[in-house]
Amino acid sequence: MATDPSTLPAPRRPVSSDHHLRFQVPHLHLANAFGNGWFGAKAEAFARFFGTPTFLIIQSGIVCIWMVVNIVGIAHFDLYPFILLNLAFSLQAAYAAPLILLAQTRQADRDKALADADAQHREALAAASFERQELASREMAQVKSLLEQNTELTRLTKELTQRIQELTDEIHRRTCAGTQ
């Protein structure tokens, strides 16, 4: 018995750790509410259409036309208690309710998966921010140490320069004092 490839879960692709959607990739199989086939696309579009004003206006128009046609006598396919119309509404409800429930359940699964992925992303951002702060603190401590070393070297250089000046002055005095 062959397995329909559209019913298999999406393969998990390796994603580099610097890719900004790396936490959503494991949930790509939830992208389409009713599966990845043509039925899934049509069923989801149908379920989404049920809640639109366009659907309500079209349905109201069809019901009004249906009732006028049967009351005025243009056609006599469904007389006053409109049993056939009630049957059509029952049939519509029988298909609409499961489709809408399925869409809501799958949407809840997608929302939960994306919320989990977002939480993981925020945690990764917080960890990266903490690492950057730690690195900045270490670099700041290193800069402070280097500044202290530079200050000490500058002080030593000044002392050595003064000592050289003193020695130069003394050598000059001794050599010049003997020649005069």
Protein backbone atom coordinates (compact mmCIF):
# COMPACT_ATOMS: atom_id res chain seq x y z
CA MET A 1 0.00 0.00 0.00
CA ALA A 2 1.55 3.29 -1.12
CA THR A 3 1.71 6.25 1.26
CA ASP A 4 0.52 9.62 0.03
CA PRO A 5 3.58 11.91 0.18
CA SER A 6 1.42 14.92 1.12
CA THR A 7 0.48 13.21 4.41
CA LEU A 8 4.07 12.70 5.51
CA PRO A 9 5.56 15.22 7.93
CA ALA A 10 7.95 17.75 6.44
CA PRO A 11 11.59 16.69 6.76
CA ARG A 12 13.56 18.59 9.33
CA ARG A 13 16.18 20.66 7.61
CA PRO A 14 19.35 21.59 9.42
CA VAL A 15 19.42 25.31 10.03
CA SER A 16 22.42 27.30 11.05
CA SER A 17 22.26 28.76 14.53
CA ASP A 18 22.44 32.31 13.17
CA HIS A 19 19.33 31.97 10.96
CA HIS A 20 16.57 34.15 12.44
CA LEU A 21 13.79 31.64 11.71
CA ARG A 22 15.66 28.61 13.05
CA PHE A 23 13.06 28.02 15.76
CA GLN A 24 10.12 28.02 13.31
CA VAL A 25 11.60 25.47 10.89
CA PRO A 26 10.59 22.41 12.95
CA HIS A 27 6.96 23.60 12.75
CA LEU A 28 6.73 24.09 8.98
CA HIS A 29 4.50 20.99 8.71
CA LEU A 30 1.80 23.04 10.47
CA ALA A 31 1.87 25.77 7.83
CA ASN A 32 -1.25 24.63 6.01
CA ALA A 33 -4.24 23.95 8.25
CA PHE A 34 -5.65 21.03 6.24
CA GLY A 35 -2.52 19.47 4.82
CA ASN A 36 -0.39 20.31 1.85
CA GLY A 37 -2.58 18.92 -0.95
CA TRP A 38 -5.20 20.58 -3.13
CA PHE A 39 -7.97 19.44 -0.77
CA GLY A 40 -6.26 21.15 2.13
CA ALA A 41 -5.95 24.42 0.24
CA LYS A 42 -9.59 24.33 -0.90
CA ALA A 43 -10.92 23.28 2.52
CA GLU A 44 -9.03 26.02 4.31
CA ALA A 45 -10.18 28.63 1.79
CA PHE A 46 -13.77 27.40 2.21
CA ALA A 47 -13.54 27.50 6.03
CA ARG A 48 -12.06 31.00 5.92
CA PHE A 49 -14.80 32.17 3.52
CA PHE A 50 -17.58 31.16 5.99
CA GLY A 51 -16.79 34.04 8.34
CA THR A 52 -16.67 36.82 5.79
CA PRO A 53 -19.30 39.49 5.12
CA THR A 54 -19.27 38.43 1.46
CA PHE A 55 -20.47 34.94 2.44
CA LEU A 56 -23.23 36.33 4.66
CA ILE A 57 -24.44 38.75 1.96
CA ILE A 58 -24.41 36.07 -0.76
CA GLN A 59 -26.18 33.54 1.48
CA SER A 60 -28.80 36.11 2.51
CA GLY A 61 -29.36 37.01 -1.14
CA ILE A 62 -29.78 33.36 -2.16
CA VAL A 63 -32.25 32.74 0.69
CA CYS A 64 -34.27 35.85 -0.24
CA ILE A 65 -34.37 34.86 -3.91
CA TRP A 66 -35.29 31.27 -2.94
CA MET A 67 -38.19 32.46 -0.78
CA VAL A 68 -39.46 35.08 -3.27
CA VAL A 69 -39.35 32.62 -6.16
CA ASN A 70 -41.40 30.09 -4.17
CA ILE A 71 -43.83 32.54 -2.52
CA VAL A 72 -44.62 34.56 -5.67
CA GLY A 73 -45.09 31.37 -7.64
CA ILE A 74 -42.31 31.75 -10.23
CA ALA A 75 -41.31 28.20 -9.28
CA HIS A 76 -42.82 25.65 -6.91
CA PHE A 77 -39.85 23.48 -5.91
CA ASP A 78 -39.98 24.37 -2.16
CA LEU A 79 -43.28 25.70 -0.84
CA TYR A 80 -43.90 27.63 2.38
CA PRO A 81 -42.35 25.83 5.28
CA PHE A 82 -39.32 25.70 2.96
CA ILE A 83 -38.30 22.18 3.92
CA LEU A 84 -35.74 21.93 1.11
CA LEU A 85 -34.17 25.23 2.25
CA ASN A 86 -33.97 23.91 5.82
CA LEU A 87 -32.36 20.74 4.48
CA ALA A 88 -29.82 22.86 2.56
CA PHE A 89 -29.01 24.80 5.75
CA SER A 90 -28.64 21.55 7.70
CA LEU A 91 -26.32 20.15 5.03
CA GLN A 92 -24.29 23.35 5.03
CA ALA A 93 -24.02 23.25 8.84
CA ALA A 94 -23.05 19.57 8.75
CA TYR A 95 -20.05 20.39 6.56
CA ALA A 96 -19.23 23.85 7.87
CA ALA A 97 -18.98 22.99 11.56
CA PRO A 98 -16.35 20.24 11.22
CA LEU A 99 -14.33 22.32 8.75
CA ILE A 100 -14.38 25.34 11.04
CA LEU A 101 -13.52 23.22 14.10
CA LEU A 102 -10.69 21.57 12.20
CA ALA A 103 -9.39 24.97 11.11
CA GLN A 104 -9.58 26.29 14.68
CA THR A 105 -7.81 23.24 16.10
CA ARG A 106 -5.02 23.42 13.54
CA GLN A 107 -4.73 27.19 14.02
CA ALA A 108 -4.40 26.65 17.76
CA ASP A 109 -1.64 24.10 17.08
CA ARG A 110 0.14 26.57 14.79
CA ASP A 111 -0.26 29.39 17.31
CA LYS A 112 1.16 27.24 20.12
CA ALA A 113 4.08 26.06 17.99
CA LEU A 114 4.88 29.60 16.89
CA ALA A 115 4.56 30.89 20.46
CA ASP A 116 7.00 28.19 21.59
CA ALA A 117 9.35 29.10 18.74
CA ASP A 118 9.09 32.79 19.64
CA ALA A 119 9.86 31.99 23.28
CA GLN A 120 12.93 30.02 22.19
CA HIS A 121 13.96 32.92 19.97
CA ARG A 122 13.58 35.39 22.84
CA GLU A 123 15.63 33.11 25.09
CA ALA A 124 18.33 32.87 22.44
CA LEU A 125 18.32 36.67 22.09
CA ALA A 126 18.57 37.07 25.85
CA ALA A 127 21.47 34.60 26.00
CA ALA A 128 23.24 36.39 23.14
CA SER A 129 22.66 39.74 24.85
CA PHE A 130 24.06 38.35 28.11
CA GLU A 131 27.11 37.02 26.26
CA ARG A 132 27.64 40.40 24.61
CA GLN A 133 27.36 42.14 27.99
CA GLU A 134 29.86 39.72 29.52
CA LEU A 135 32.23 40.26 26.59
CA ALA A 136 31.82 44.04 26.91
CA SER A 137 32.55 43.83 30.65
CA ARG A 138 35.69 41.76 30.05
CA GLU A 139 36.84 44.13 27.31
CA MET A 140 36.13 47.13 29.55
CA ALA A 141 38.17 45.55 32.36
CA GLN A 142 40.95 44.87 29.86
CA VAL A 143 40.83 48.48 28.60
CA LYS A 144 40.93 49.72 32.20
CA SER A 145 43.95 47.52 32.92
CA LEU A 146 45.68 48.76 29.77
CA LEU A 147 44.95 52.37 30.75
CA GLU A 148 46.42 51.77 34.19
CA GLN A 149 49.51 50.21 32.61
CA ASN A 150 49.75 53.14 30.21
CA THR A 151 49.47 55.59 33.11
CA GLU A 152 52.21 53.75 35.00
CA LEU A 153 54.44 53.69 31.91
CA THR A 154 53.85 57.40 31.39
CA ARG A 155 54.78 58.09 35.03
CA LEU A 156 57.95 55.98 34.70
CA THR A 157 58.83 57.72 31.45
CA LYS A 158 58.43 61.09 33.14
CA GLU A 159 60.59 60.02 36.07
CA LEU A 160 63.25 58.65 33.72
CA THR A 161 63.14 61.82 31.64
CA GLN A 162 63.60 63.94 34.76
CA ARG A 163 66.46 61.73 35.97
CA ILE A 164 68.13 61.92 32.52
CA GLN A 165 67.72 65.70 32.62
CA GLU A 166 69.29 65.83 36.08
CA LEU A 167 72.20 63.61 35.00
CA THR A 168 72.65 65.61 31.81
CA ASP A 169 72.71 68.84 33.84
CA GLU A 170 75.25 67.37 36.29
CA ILE A 171 77.45 66.04 33.49
CA HIS A 172 77.27 69.45 31.83
CA ARG A 173 78.20 71.21 35.05
CA ARG A 174 81.19 68.92 35.71
CA THR A 175 82.48 69.04 32.14
CA CYS A 176 81.91 72.74 31.75
CA ALA A 177 83.23 73.61 35.24
CA GLY A 178 86.59 72.00 34.50
CA THR A 179 87.05 73.84 31.22
CA GLN A 180 86.41 77.31 32.59
